[in-house]
Amino acid sequence: MKQLKKMAVMLAAVILLIGAVASASALQAKAADSAETAVTAEAGADNSTGMKALAASIAIGLAGIGGTIAMGMAIAKSNEGVARQPEAAGKIQTQLMLGLVFIETVVIYALIVAILIVFVL
């Protein structure tokens, strides 16, 4: 469970870092768009949209990969625990579900960050 907790914290940190980098690049692209002339602003807007899509896809992709790996490890460890102590299966299953909910929450946060990157910035 300690390893799972460390993975969840690391995944959350990576998602926040990606969100910050994506936000900074989107703001930089927005500032560059406002400084350009009317003719080149249209091409810059296309570049800004592409950067937003790239940042959002990276954020949700990394979160999905990290969440999948963490869930797989948690399920594998819980199956090992049940195999060693079948009488504790109920308690192990409860703890597994709680851990999976926390992992999925981090992935949902990444989805929210990706949506904010695309539609707000």
PDB file of N, CA and C in Angstrom:
ATOM      1  N   MET A   1       0.819  -1.188   0.000  1.00  0.00           N
ATOM      2  CA  MET A   1       0.000   0.000   0.000  1.00  0.00           C
ATOM      3  C   MET A   1       0.866   1.256   0.000  1.00  0.00           C
ATOM      4  N   LYS A   2       2.040   1.185   0.648  1.00  0.00           N
ATOM      5  CA  LYS A   2       2.934   2.340   0.659  1.00  0.00           C
ATOM      6  C   LYS A   2       3.418   2.660  -0.745  1.00  0.00           C
ATOM      7  N   GLN A   3       3.733   1.606  -1.505  1.00  0.00           N
ATOM      8  CA  GLN A   3       4.209   1.814  -2.873  1.00  0.00           C
ATOM      9  C   GLN A   3       3.099   2.408  -3.734  1.00  0.00           C
ATOM     10  N   LEU A   4       1.889   1.977  -3.522  1.00  0.00           N
ATOM     11  CA  LEU A   4       0.749   2.497  -4.262  1.00  0.00           C
ATOM     12  C   LEU A   4       0.532   3.975  -3.931  1.00  0.00           C
ATOM     13  N   LYS A   5       0.694   4.325  -2.672  1.00  0.00           N
ATOM     14  CA  LYS A   5       0.538   5.702  -2.252  1.00  0.00           C
ATOM     15  C   LYS A   5       1.609   6.591  -2.893  1.00  0.00           C
ATOM     16  N   LYS A   6       2.849   6.083  -2.936  1.00  0.00           N
ATOM     17  CA  LYS A   6       3.929   6.840  -3.558  1.00  0.00           C
ATOM     18  C   LYS A   6       3.662   7.040  -5.051  1.00  0.00           C
ATOM     19  N   MET A   7       3.164   5.991  -5.719  1.00  0.00           N
ATOM     20  CA  MET A   7       2.859   6.114  -7.148  1.00  0.00           C
ATOM     21  C   MET A   7       1.755   7.137  -7.386  1.00  0.00           C
ATOM     22  N   ALA A   8       0.741   7.138  -6.549  1.00  0.00           N
ATOM     23  CA  ALA A   8      -0.363   8.081  -6.719  1.00  0.00           C
ATOM     24  C   ALA A   8       0.120   9.514  -6.523  1.00  0.00           C
ATOM     25  N   VAL A   9       0.973   9.735  -5.538  1.00  0.00           N
ATOM     26  CA  VAL A   9       1.509  11.073  -5.302  1.00  0.00           C
ATOM     27  C   VAL A   9       2.391  11.500  -6.467  1.00  0.00           C
ATOM     28  N   MET A  10       3.236  10.591  -6.955  1.00  0.00           N
ATOM     29  CA  MET A  10       4.092  10.930  -8.094  1.00  0.00           C
ATOM     30  C   MET A  10       3.255  11.228  -9.334  1.00  0.00           C
ATOM     31  N   LEU A  11       2.213  10.455  -9.556  1.00  0.00           N
ATOM     32  CA  LEU A  11       1.349  10.671 -10.711  1.00  0.00           C
ATOM     33  C   LEU A  11       0.649  12.021 -10.610  1.00  0.00           C
ATOM     34  N   ALA A  12       0.180  12.360  -9.422  1.00  0.00           N
ATOM     35  CA  ALA A  12      -0.465  13.657  -9.235  1.00  0.00           C
ATOM     36  C   ALA A  12       0.515  14.795  -9.485  1.00  0.00           C
ATOM     37  N   ALA A  13       1.766  14.636  -9.023  1.00  0.00           N
ATOM     38  CA  ALA A  13       2.776  15.664  -9.252  1.00  0.00           C
ATOM     39  C   ALA A  13       3.078  15.823 -10.734  1.00  0.00           C
ATOM     40  N   VAL A  14       3.168  14.705 -11.449  1.00  0.00           N
ATOM     41  CA  VAL A  14       3.429  14.764 -12.887  1.00  0.00           C
ATOM     42  C   VAL A  14       2.275  15.453 -13.601  1.00  0.00           C
ATOM     43  N   ILE A  15       1.053  15.131 -13.226  1.00  0.00           N
ATOM     44  CA  ILE A  15      -0.110  15.752 -13.866  1.00  0.00           C
ATOM     45  C   ILE A  15      -0.118  17.256 -13.608  1.00  0.00           C
ATOM     46  N   LEU A  16       0.156  17.656 -12.377  1.00  0.00           N
ATOM     47  CA  LEU A  16       0.189  19.078 -12.076  1.00  0.00           C
ATOM     48  C   LEU A  16       1.315  19.779 -12.829  1.00  0.00           C
ATOM     49  N   LEU A  17       2.461  19.132 -12.944  1.00  0.00           N
ATOM     50  CA  LEU A  17       3.577  19.706 -13.688  1.00  0.00           C
ATOM     51  C   LEU A  17       3.223  19.865 -15.156  1.00  0.00           C
ATOM     52  N   ILE A  18       2.613  18.853 -15.734  1.00  0.00           N
ATOM     53  CA  ILE A  18       2.211  18.932 -17.142  1.00  0.00           C
ATOM     54  C   ILE A  18       1.168  20.030 -17.329  1.00  0.00           C
ATOM     55  N   GLY A  19       0.237  20.120 -16.412  1.00  0.00           N
ATOM     56  CA  GLY A  19      -0.763  21.181 -16.494  1.00  0.00           C
ATOM     57  C   GLY A  19      -0.142  22.564 -16.413  1.00  0.00           C
ATOM     58  N   ALA A  20       0.847  22.725 -15.528  1.00  0.00           N
ATOM     59  CA  ALA A  20       1.513  24.022 -15.410  1.00  0.00           C
ATOM     60  C   ALA A  20       2.294  24.360 -16.672  1.00  0.00           C
ATOM     61  N   VAL A  21       2.998  23.392 -17.220  1.00  0.00           N
ATOM     62  CA  VAL A  21       3.760  23.621 -18.452  1.00  0.00           C
ATOM     63  C   VAL A  21       2.821  23.938 -19.610  1.00  0.00           C
ATOM     64  N   ALA A  22       1.739  23.186 -19.698  1.00  0.00           N
ATOM     65  CA  ALA A  22       0.777  23.420 -20.775  1.00  0.00           C
ATOM     66  C   ALA A  22       0.122  24.784 -20.631  1.00  0.00           C
ATOM     67  N   SER A  23      -0.200  25.166 -19.407  1.00  0.00           N
ATOM     68  CA  SER A  23      -0.806  26.475 -19.186  1.00  0.00           C
ATOM     69  C   SER A  23       0.164  27.591 -19.551  1.00  0.00           C
ATOM     70  N   ALA A  24       1.421  27.426 -19.160  1.00  0.00           N
ATOM     71  CA  ALA A  24       2.419  28.444 -19.494  1.00  0.00           C
ATOM     72  C   ALA A  24       2.616  28.547 -21.000  1.00  0.00           C
ATOM     73  N   SER A  25       2.664  27.429 -21.688  1.00  0.00           N
ATOM     74  CA  SER A  25       2.851  27.485 -23.138  1.00  0.00           C
ATOM     75  C   SER A  25       1.623  28.063 -23.829  1.00  0.00           C
ATOM     76  N   ALA A  26       0.433  27.743 -23.318  1.00  0.00           N
ATOM     77  CA  ALA A  26      -0.784  28.306 -23.911  1.00  0.00           C
ATOM     78  C   ALA A  26      -0.861  29.812 -23.671  1.00  0.00           C
ATOM     79  N   LEU A  27      -0.481  30.259 -22.472  1.00  0.00           N
ATOM     80  CA  LEU A  27      -0.476  31.694 -22.198  1.00  0.00           C
ATOM     81  C   LEU A  27       0.566  32.411 -23.041  1.00  0.00           C
ATOM     82  N   GLN A  28       1.708  31.776 -23.236  1.00  0.00           N
ATOM     83  CA  GLN A  28       2.747  32.365 -24.076  1.00  0.00           C
ATOM     84  C   GLN A  28       2.256  32.462 -25.521  1.00  0.00           C
ATOM     85  N   ALA A  29       1.575  31.438 -26.000  1.00  0.00           N
ATOM     86  CA  ALA A  29       1.035  31.465 -27.356  1.00  0.00           C
ATOM     87  C   ALA A  29      -0.055  32.526 -27.478  1.00  0.00           C
ATOM     88  N   LYS A  30      -0.858  32.697 -26.427  1.00  0.00           N
ATOM     89  CA  LYS A  30      -1.908  33.715 -26.453  1.00  0.00           C
ATOM     90  C   LYS A  30      -1.303  35.114 -26.483  1.00  0.00           C
ATOM     91  N   ALA A  31      -0.221  35.317 -25.709  1.00  0.00           N
ATOM     92  CA  ALA A  31       0.451  36.614 -25.718  1.00  0.00           C
ATOM     93  C   ALA A  31       1.088  36.888 -27.076  1.00  0.00           C
ATOM     94  N   ALA A  32       1.647  35.861 -27.679  1.00  0.00           N
ATOM     95  CA  ALA A  32       2.246  36.033 -29.003  1.00  0.00           C
ATOM     96  C   ALA A  32       1.172  36.322 -30.041  1.00  0.00           C
ATOM     97  N   ASP A  33       0.001  35.729 -29.880  1.00  0.00           N
ATOM     98  CA  ASP A  33      -1.100  35.978 -30.808  1.00  0.00           C
ATOM     99  C   ASP A  33      -1.553  37.433 -30.750  1.00  0.00           C
ATOM    100  N   SER A  34      -1.633  37.989 -29.549  1.00  0.00           N
ATOM    101  CA  SER A  34      -2.106  39.361 -29.423  1.00  0.00           C
ATOM    102  C   SER A  34      -1.088  40.362 -29.947  1.00  0.00           C
ATOM    103  N   ALA A  35       0.182  39.991 -29.968  1.00  0.00           N
ATOM    104  CA  ALA A  35       1.228  40.880 -30.444  1.00  0.00           C
ATOM    105  C   ALA A  35       1.377  40.844 -31.964  1.00  0.00           C
ATOM    106  N   GLU A  36       0.863  39.825 -32.612  1.00  0.00           N
ATOM    107  CA  GLU A  36       1.013  39.697 -34.064  1.00  0.00           C
ATOM    108  C   GLU A  36       0.024  40.592 -34.785  1.00  0.00           C
ATOM    109  N   THR A  37       0.274  40.807 -36.066  1.00  0.00           N
ATOM    110  CA  THR A  37      -0.641  41.595 -36.899  1.00  0.00           C
ATOM    111  C   THR A  37      -1.866  40.768 -37.249  1.00  0.00           C
ATOM    112  N   ALA A  38      -2.842  41.386 -37.881  1.00  0.00           N
ATOM    113  CA  ALA A  38      -4.095  40.702 -38.201  1.00  0.00           C
ATOM    114  C   ALA A  38      -3.873  39.559 -39.182  1.00  0.00           C
ATOM    115  N   VAL A  39      -2.908  39.692 -40.076  1.00  0.00           N
ATOM    116  CA  VAL A  39      -2.667  38.658 -41.081  1.00  0.00           C
ATOM    117  C   VAL A  39      -2.031  37.432 -40.455  1.00  0.00           C
ATOM    118  N   THR A  40      -1.065  37.626 -39.597  1.00  0.00           N
ATOM    119  CA  THR A  40      -0.361  36.486 -39.010  1.00  0.00           C
ATOM    120  C   THR A  40      -1.041  35.969 -37.749  1.00  0.00           C
ATOM    121  N   ALA A  41      -1.998  36.729 -37.217  1.00  0.00           N
ATOM    122  CA  ALA A  41      -2.687  36.281 -35.999  1.00  0.00           C
ATOM    123  C   ALA A  41      -3.504  35.029 -36.258  1.00  0.00           C
ATOM    124  N   GLU A  42      -4.033  34.913 -37.467  1.00  0.00           N
ATOM    125  CA  GLU A  42      -4.825  33.724 -37.784  1.00  0.00           C
ATOM    126  C   GLU A  42      -3.964  32.468 -37.779  1.00  0.00           C
ATOM    127  N   ALA A  43      -2.776  32.544 -38.319  1.00  0.00           N
ATOM    128  CA  ALA A  43      -1.860  31.394 -38.310  1.00  0.00           C
ATOM    129  C   ALA A  43      -1.410  31.085 -36.883  1.00  0.00           C
ATOM    130  N   GLY A  44      -1.217  32.124 -36.070  1.00  0.00           N
ATOM    131  CA  GLY A  44      -0.819  31.923 -34.679  1.00  0.00           C
ATOM    132  C   GLY A  44      -1.917  31.265 -33.866  1.00  0.00           C
ATOM    133  N   ALA A  45      -3.177  31.590 -34.178  1.00  0.00           N
ATOM    134  CA  ALA A  45      -4.294  30.979 -33.464  1.00  0.00           C
ATOM    135  C   ALA A  45      -4.347  29.482 -33.754  1.00  0.00           C
ATOM    136  N   ASP A  46      -4.045  29.104 -34.991  1.00  0.00           N
ATOM    137  CA  ASP A  46      -3.994  27.687 -35.316  1.00  0.00           C
ATOM    138  C   ASP A  46      -2.893  27.001 -34.529  1.00  0.00           C
ATOM    139  N   ASN A  47      -1.754  27.667 -34.373  1.00  0.00           N
ATOM    140  CA  ASN A  47      -0.641  27.109 -33.600  1.00  0.00           C
ATOM    141  C   ASN A  47      -1.025  26.987 -32.132  1.00  0.00           C
ATOM    142  N   SER A  48      -1.740  27.983 -31.601  1.00  0.00           N
ATOM    143  CA  SER A  48      -2.165  27.942 -30.207  1.00  0.00           C
ATOM    144  C   SER A  48      -3.140  26.793 -29.965  1.00  0.00           C
ATOM    145  N   THR A  49      -4.042  26.590 -30.905  1.00  0.00           N
ATOM    146  CA  THR A  49      -4.995  25.491 -30.786  1.00  0.00           C
ATOM    147  C   THR A  49      -4.275  24.150 -30.812  1.00  0.00           C
ATOM    148  N   GLY A  50      -3.286  24.042 -31.676  1.00  0.00           N
ATOM    149  CA  GLY A  50      -2.499  22.810 -31.740  1.00  0.00           C
ATOM    150  C   GLY A  50      -1.725  22.555 -30.467  1.00  0.00           C
ATOM    151  N   MET A  51      -1.175  23.620 -29.888  1.00  0.00           N
ATOM    152  CA  MET A  51      -0.438  23.476 -28.629  1.00  0.00           C
ATOM    153  C   MET A  51      -1.370  23.039 -27.499  1.00  0.00           C
ATOM    154  N   LYS A  52      -2.578  23.585 -27.488  1.00  0.00           N
ATOM    155  CA  LYS A  52      -3.551  23.187 -26.463  1.00  0.00           C
ATOM    156  C   LYS A  52      -3.908  21.716 -26.602  1.00  0.00           C
ATOM    157  N   ALA A  53      -4.138  21.291 -27.826  1.00  0.00           N
ATOM    158  CA  ALA A  53      -4.489  19.892 -28.055  1.00  0.00           C
ATOM    159  C   ALA A  53      -3.339  18.974 -27.662  1.00  0.00           C
ATOM    160  N   LEU A  54      -2.125  19.376 -27.986  1.00  0.00           N
ATOM    161  CA  LEU A  54      -0.954  18.574 -27.634  1.00  0.00           C
ATOM    162  C   LEU A  54      -0.786  18.488 -26.121  1.00  0.00           C
ATOM    163  N   ALA A  55      -0.931  19.620 -25.438  1.00  0.00           N
ATOM    164  CA  ALA A  55      -0.782  19.629 -23.981  1.00  0.00           C
ATOM    165  C   ALA A  55      -1.856  18.773 -23.316  1.00  0.00           C
ATOM    166  N   ALA A  56      -3.083  18.889 -23.799  1.00  0.00           N
ATOM    167  CA  ALA A  56      -4.177  18.102 -23.212  1.00  0.00           C
ATOM    168  C   ALA A  56      -3.977  16.617 -23.461  1.00  0.00           C
ATOM    169  N   SER A  57      -3.534  16.267 -24.661  1.00  0.00           N
ATOM    170  CA  SER A  57      -3.334  14.844 -24.955  1.00  0.00           C
ATOM    171  C   SER A  57      -2.181  14.265 -24.157  1.00  0.00           C
ATOM    172  N   ILE A  58      -1.132  15.030 -23.946  1.00  0.00           N
ATOM    173  CA  ILE A  58      -0.021  14.550 -23.128  1.00  0.00           C
ATOM    174  C   ILE A  58      -0.471  14.358 -21.684  1.00  0.00           C
ATOM    175  N   ALA A  59      -1.218  15.320 -21.158  1.00  0.00           N
ATOM    176  CA  ALA A  59      -1.660  15.236 -19.759  1.00  0.00           C
ATOM    177  C   ALA A  59      -2.544  14.014 -19.530  1.00  0.00           C
ATOM    178  N   ILE A  60      -3.538  13.833 -20.380  1.00  0.00           N
ATOM    179  CA  ILE A  60      -4.454  12.713 -20.166  1.00  0.00           C
ATOM    180  C   ILE A  60      -3.792  11.392 -20.519  1.00  0.00           C
ATOM    181  N   GLY A  61      -2.878  11.405 -21.478  1.00  0.00           N
ATOM    182  CA  GLY A  61      -2.166  10.179 -21.839  1.00  0.00           C
ATOM    183  C   GLY A  61      -1.281   9.678 -20.714  1.00  0.00           C
ATOM    184  N   LEU A  62      -0.508  10.582 -20.124  1.00  0.00           N
ATOM    185  CA  LEU A  62       0.360  10.178 -19.009  1.00  0.00           C
ATOM    186  C   LEU A  62      -0.464   9.731 -17.802  1.00  0.00           C
ATOM    187  N   ALA A  63      -1.549  10.430 -17.554  1.00  0.00           N
ATOM    188  CA  ALA A  63      -2.396  10.035 -16.427  1.00  0.00           C
ATOM    189  C   ALA A  63      -3.021   8.666 -16.672  1.00  0.00           C
ATOM    190  N   GLY A  64      -3.442   8.432 -17.889  1.00  0.00           N
ATOM    191  CA  GLY A  64      -4.026   7.133 -18.211  1.00  0.00           C
ATOM    192  C   GLY A  64      -3.024   6.004 -18.085  1.00  0.00           C
ATOM    193  N   ILE A  65      -1.819   6.236 -18.579  1.00  0.00           N
ATOM    194  CA  ILE A  65      -0.767   5.217 -18.481  1.00  0.00           C
ATOM    195  C   ILE A  65      -0.406   4.963 -17.019  1.00  0.00           C
ATOM    196  N   GLY A  66      -0.201   6.042 -16.268  1.00  0.00           N
ATOM    197  CA  GLY A  66       0.149   5.884 -14.856  1.00  0.00           C
ATOM    198  C   GLY A  66      -0.955   5.220 -14.053  1.00  0.00           C
ATOM    199  N   GLY A  67      -2.203   5.614 -14.310  1.00  0.00           N
ATOM    200  CA  GLY A  67      -3.331   5.011 -13.608  1.00  0.00           C
ATOM    201  C   GLY A  67      -3.479   3.534 -13.928  1.00  0.00           C
ATOM    202  N   THR A  68      -3.261   3.178 -15.200  1.00  0.00           N
ATOM    203  CA  THR A  68      -3.362   1.779 -15.594  1.00  0.00           C
ATOM    204  C   THR A  68      -2.291   0.934 -14.925  1.00  0.00           C
ATOM    205  N   ILE A  69      -1.076   1.441 -14.907  1.00  0.00           N
ATOM    206  CA  ILE A  69       0.019   0.700 -14.260  1.00  0.00           C
ATOM    207  C   ILE A  69      -0.249   0.550 -12.764  1.00  0.00           C
ATOM    208  N   ALA A  70      -0.678   1.637 -12.126  1.00  0.00           N
ATOM    209  CA  ALA A  70      -0.933   1.584 -10.681  1.00  0.00           C
ATOM    210  C   ALA A  70      -2.088   0.636 -10.354  1.00  0.00           C
ATOM    211  N   MET A  71      -3.143   0.670 -11.156  1.00  0.00           N
ATOM    212  CA  MET A  71      -4.271  -0.230 -10.909  1.00  0.00           C
ATOM    213  C   MET A  71      -3.869  -1.683 -11.121  1.00  0.00           C
ATOM    214  N   GLY A  72      -3.089  -1.940 -12.142  1.00  0.00           N
ATOM    215  CA  GLY A  72      -2.620  -3.304 -12.383  1.00  0.00           C
ATOM    216  C   GLY A  72      -1.781  -3.830 -11.235  1.00  0.00           C
ATOM    217  N   MET A  73      -0.888  -2.979 -10.728  1.00  0.00           N
ATOM    218  CA  MET A  73      -0.060  -3.399  -9.600  1.00  0.00           C
ATOM    219  C   MET A  73      -0.909  -3.644  -8.355  1.00  0.00           C
ATOM    220  N   ALA A  74      -1.889  -2.770  -8.118  1.00  0.00           N
ATOM    221  CA  ALA A  74      -2.736  -2.925  -6.934  1.00  0.00           C
ATOM    222  C   ALA A  74      -3.558  -4.217  -7.008  1.00  0.00           C
ATOM    223  N   ILE A  75      -4.097  -4.490  -8.181  1.00  0.00           N
ATOM    224  CA  ILE A  75      -4.897  -5.708  -8.341  1.00  0.00           C
ATOM    225  C   ILE A  75      -4.022  -6.946  -8.196  1.00  0.00           C
ATOM    226  N   ALA A  76      -2.808  -6.897  -8.753  1.00  0.00           N
ATOM    227  CA  ALA A  76      -1.902  -8.037  -8.630  1.00  0.00           C
ATOM    228  C   ALA A  76      -1.540  -8.296  -7.171  1.00  0.00           C
ATOM    229  N   LYS A  77      -1.245  -7.245  -6.441  1.00  0.00           N
ATOM    230  CA  LYS A  77      -0.884  -7.409  -5.025  1.00  0.00           C
ATOM    231  C   LYS A  77      -2.072  -7.899  -4.197  1.00  0.00           C
ATOM    232  N   SER A  78      -3.262  -7.415  -4.516  1.00  0.00           N
ATOM    233  CA  SER A  78      -4.416  -7.891  -3.752  1.00  0.00           C
ATOM    234  C   SER A  78      -4.696  -9.363  -4.044  1.00  0.00           C
ATOM    235  N   ASN A  79      -4.504  -9.782  -5.283  1.00  0.00           N
ATOM    236  CA  ASN A  79      -4.683 -11.201  -5.602  1.00  0.00           C
ATOM    237  C   ASN A  79      -3.656 -12.064  -4.884  1.00  0.00           C
ATOM    238  N   GLU A  80      -2.430 -11.560  -4.779  1.00  0.00           N
ATOM    239  CA  GLU A  80      -1.411 -12.294  -4.024  1.00  0.00           C
ATOM    240  C   GLU A  80      -1.804 -12.393  -2.556  1.00  0.00           C
ATOM    241  N   GLY A  81      -2.336 -11.301  -2.016  1.00  0.00           N
ATOM    242  CA  GLY A  81      -2.758 -11.314  -0.620  1.00  0.00           C
ATOM    243  C   GLY A  81      -3.896 -12.289  -0.363  1.00  0.00           C
ATOM    244  N   VAL A  82      -4.855 -12.326  -1.275  1.00  0.00           N
ATOM    245  CA  VAL A  82      -5.972 -13.262  -1.123  1.00  0.00           C
ATOM    246  C   VAL A  82      -5.487 -14.695  -1.274  1.00  0.00           C
ATOM    247  N   ALA A  83      -4.524 -14.926  -2.166  1.00  0.00           N
ATOM    248  CA  ALA A  83      -3.999 -16.278  -2.344  1.00  0.00           C
ATOM    249  C   ALA A  83      -3.271 -16.752  -1.084  1.00  0.00           C
ATOM    250  N   ARG A  84      -2.586 -15.811  -0.395  1.00  0.00           N
ATOM    251  CA  ARG A  84      -1.873 -16.190   0.828  1.00  0.00           C
ATOM    252  C   ARG A  84      -2.809 -16.364   2.015  1.00  0.00           C
ATOM    253  N   GLN A  85      -3.822 -15.486   2.108  1.00  0.00           N
ATOM    254  CA  GLN A  85      -4.754 -15.543   3.240  1.00  0.00           C
ATOM    255  C   GLN A  85      -6.188 -15.423   2.729  1.00  0.00           C
ATOM    256  N   PRO A  86      -6.770 -16.504   2.313  1.00  0.00           N
ATOM    257  CA  PRO A  86      -8.139 -16.443   1.770  1.00  0.00           C
ATOM    258  C   PRO A  86      -9.183 -15.944   2.768  1.00  0.00           C
ATOM    259  N   GLU A  87      -8.931 -16.127   4.050  1.00  0.00           N
ATOM    260  CA  GLU A  87      -9.906 -15.681   5.042  1.00  0.00           C
ATOM    261  C   GLU A  87      -9.966 -14.154   5.147  1.00  0.00           C
ATOM    262  N   ALA A  88      -8.966 -13.453   4.667  1.00  0.00           N
ATOM    263  CA  ALA A  88      -8.933 -11.986   4.713  1.00  0.00           C
ATOM    264  C   ALA A  88      -9.381 -11.358   3.400  1.00  0.00           C
ATOM    265  N   ALA A  89     -10.040 -12.119   2.555  1.00  0.00           N
ATOM    266  CA  ALA A  89     -10.415 -11.627   1.226  1.00  0.00           C
ATOM    267  C   ALA A  89     -11.330 -10.404   1.298  1.00  0.00           C
ATOM    268  N   GLY A  90     -12.244 -10.379   2.235  1.00  0.00           N
ATOM    269  CA  GLY A  90     -13.169  -9.246   2.353  1.00  0.00           C
ATOM    270  C   GLY A  90     -12.454  -7.954   2.686  1.00  0.00           C
ATOM    271  N   LYS A  91     -11.551  -8.010   3.668  1.00  0.00           N
ATOM    272  CA  LYS A  91     -10.799  -6.818   4.048  1.00  0.00           C
ATOM    273  C   LYS A  91      -9.871  -6.366   2.921  1.00  0.00           C
ATOM    274  N   ILE A  92      -9.251  -7.330   2.265  1.00  0.00           N
ATOM    275  CA  ILE A  92      -8.341  -6.989   1.160  1.00  0.00           C
ATOM    276  C   ILE A  92      -9.126  -6.348   0.016  1.00  0.00           C
ATOM    277  N   GLN A  93     -10.311  -6.874  -0.265  1.00  0.00           N
ATOM    278  CA  GLN A  93     -11.117  -6.319  -1.347  1.00  0.00           C
ATOM    279  C   GLN A  93     -11.555  -4.893  -1.020  1.00  0.00           C
ATOM    280  N   THR A  94     -11.910  -4.631   0.233  1.00  0.00           N
ATOM    281  CA  THR A  94     -12.299  -3.283   0.636  1.00  0.00           C
ATOM    282  C   THR A  94     -11.150  -2.302   0.450  1.00  0.00           C
ATOM    283  N   GLN A  95      -9.967  -2.698   0.898  1.00  0.00           N
ATOM    284  CA  GLN A  95      -8.801  -1.830   0.751  1.00  0.00           C
ATOM    285  C   GLN A  95      -8.439  -1.638  -0.726  1.00  0.00           C
ATOM    286  N   LEU A  96      -8.601  -2.684  -1.516  1.00  0.00           N
ATOM    287  CA  LEU A  96      -8.316  -2.584  -2.950  1.00  0.00           C
ATOM    288  C   LEU A  96      -9.242  -1.567  -3.603  1.00  0.00           C
ATOM    289  N   MET A  97     -10.524  -1.640  -3.302  1.00  0.00           N
ATOM    290  CA  MET A  97     -11.477  -0.711  -3.901  1.00  0.00           C
ATOM    291  C   MET A  97     -11.184   0.724  -3.491  1.00  0.00           C
ATOM    292  N   LEU A  98     -10.817   0.918  -2.244  1.00  0.00           N
ATOM    293  CA  LEU A  98     -10.465   2.258  -1.780  1.00  0.00           C
ATOM    294  C   LEU A  98      -9.248   2.789  -2.537  1.00  0.00           C
ATOM    295  N   GLY A  99      -8.237   1.963  -2.701  1.00  0.00           N
ATOM    296  CA  GLY A  99      -7.045   2.362  -3.452  1.00  0.00           C
ATOM    297  C   GLY A  99      -7.347   2.651  -4.914  1.00  0.00           C
ATOM    298  N   LEU A 100      -8.191   1.822  -5.524  1.00  0.00           N
ATOM    299  CA  LEU A 100      -8.552   2.043  -6.929  1.00  0.00           C
ATOM    300  C   LEU A 100      -9.322   3.349  -7.106  1.00  0.00           C
ATOM    301  N   VAL A 101     -10.143   3.687  -6.134  1.00  0.00           N
ATOM    302  CA  VAL A 101     -10.881   4.951  -6.202  1.00  0.00           C
ATOM    303  C   VAL A 101      -9.908   6.122  -6.156  1.00  0.00           C
ATOM    304  N   PHE A 102      -8.909   6.051  -5.288  1.00  0.00           N
ATOM    305  CA  PHE A 102      -7.924   7.133  -5.210  1.00  0.00           C
ATOM    306  C   PHE A 102      -7.127   7.259  -6.504  1.00  0.00           C
ATOM    307  N   ILE A 103      -6.752   6.146  -7.082  1.00  0.00           N
ATOM    308  CA  ILE A 103      -6.007   6.177  -8.344  1.00  0.00           C
ATOM    309  C   ILE A 103      -6.877   6.779  -9.447  1.00  0.00           C
ATOM    310  N   GLU A 104      -8.119   6.356  -9.512  1.00  0.00           N
ATOM    311  CA  GLU A 104      -9.028   6.865 -10.548  1.00  0.00           C
ATOM    312  C   GLU A 104      -9.303   8.350 -10.364  1.00  0.00           C
ATOM    313  N   THR A 105      -9.291   8.819  -9.110  1.00  0.00           N
ATOM    314  CA  THR A 105      -9.491  10.238  -8.847  1.00  0.00           C
ATOM    315  C   THR A 105      -8.385  11.063  -9.474  1.00  0.00           C
ATOM    316  N   VAL A 106      -7.161  10.591  -9.395  1.00  0.00           N
ATOM    317  CA  VAL A 106      -6.037  11.312 -10.000  1.00  0.00           C
ATOM    318  C   VAL A 106      -6.210  11.371 -11.515  1.00  0.00           C
ATOM    319  N   VAL A 107      -6.670  10.300 -12.119  1.00  0.00           N
ATOM    320  CA  VAL A 107      -6.888  10.282 -13.564  1.00  0.00           C
ATOM    321  C   VAL A 107      -8.021  11.245 -13.939  1.00  0.00           C
ATOM    322  N   ILE A 108      -9.051  11.319 -13.134  1.00  0.00           N
ATOM    323  CA  ILE A 108     -10.148  12.249 -13.402  1.00  0.00           C
ATOM    324  C   ILE A 108      -9.663  13.687 -13.266  1.00  0.00           C
ATOM    325  N   TYR A 109      -8.792  13.964 -12.284  1.00  0.00           N
ATOM    326  CA  TYR A 109      -8.197  15.295 -12.178  1.00  0.00           C
ATOM    327  C   TYR A 109      -7.429  15.645 -13.449  1.00  0.00           C
ATOM    328  N   ALA A 110      -6.709  14.696 -13.990  1.00  0.00           N
ATOM    329  CA  ALA A 110      -5.976  14.937 -15.240  1.00  0.00           C
ATOM    330  C   ALA A 110      -6.935  15.245 -16.377  1.00  0.00           C
ATOM    331  N   LEU A 111      -8.063  14.552 -16.424  1.00  0.00           N
ATOM    332  CA  LEU A 111      -9.064  14.834 -17.444  1.00  0.00           C
ATOM    333  C   LEU A 111      -9.603  16.245 -17.298  1.00  0.00           C
ATOM    334  N   ILE A 112      -9.847  16.669 -16.073  1.00  0.00           N
ATOM    335  CA  ILE A 112     -10.342  18.028 -15.830  1.00  0.00           C
ATOM    336  C   ILE A 112      -9.302  19.052 -16.265  1.00  0.00           C
ATOM    337  N   VAL A 113      -8.035  18.803 -15.948  1.00  0.00           N
ATOM    338  CA  VAL A 113      -6.963  19.706 -16.375  1.00  0.00           C
ATOM    339  C   VAL A 113      -6.903  19.778 -17.896  1.00  0.00           C
ATOM    340  N   ALA A 114      -7.033  18.630 -18.557  1.00  0.00           N
ATOM    341  CA  ALA A 114      -7.004  18.611 -20.027  1.00  0.00           C
ATOM    342  C   ALA A 114      -8.176  19.389 -20.608  1.00  0.00           C
ATOM    343  N   ILE A 115      -9.353  19.241 -20.027  1.00  0.00           N
ATOM    344  CA  ILE A 115     -10.519  19.989 -20.504  1.00  0.00           C
ATOM    345  C   ILE A 115     -10.327  21.490 -20.281  1.00  0.00           C
ATOM    346  N   LEU A 116      -9.772  21.854 -19.132  1.00  0.00           N
ATOM    347  CA  LEU A 116      -9.507  23.274 -18.873  1.00  0.00           C
ATOM    348  C   LEU A 116      -8.487  23.838 -19.851  1.00  0.00           C
ATOM    349  N   ILE A 117      -7.470  23.060 -20.177  1.00  0.00           N
ATOM    350  CA  ILE A 117      -6.471  23.522 -21.124  1.00  0.00           C
ATOM    351  C   ILE A 117      -7.118  23.807 -22.480  1.00  0.00           C
ATOM    352  N   VAL A 118      -7.963  22.904 -22.917  1.00  0.00           N
ATOM    353  CA  VAL A 118      -8.564  23.043 -24.246  1.00  0.00           C
ATOM    354  C   VAL A 118      -9.580  24.191 -24.296  1.00  0.00           C
ATOM    355  N   PHE A 119     -10.466  24.281 -23.312  1.00  0.00           N
ATOM    356  CA  PHE A 119     -11.580  25.204 -23.425  1.00  0.00           C
ATOM    357  C   PHE A 119     -11.395  26.543 -22.710  1.00  0.00           C
ATOM    358  N   VAL A 120     -10.544  26.620 -21.709  1.00  0.00           N
ATOM    359  CA  VAL A 120     -10.417  27.861 -20.955  1.00  0.00           C
ATOM    360  C   VAL A 120      -9.242  28.702 -21.433  1.00  0.00           C
ATOM    361  N   LEU A 121      -8.108  28.087 -21.656  1.00  0.00           N
ATOM    362  CA  LEU A 121      -6.922  28.868 -22.053  1.00  0.00           C
ATOM    363  C   LEU A 121      -6.938  29.224 -23.503  1.00  0.00           C
TER     364      LEU A 121
END
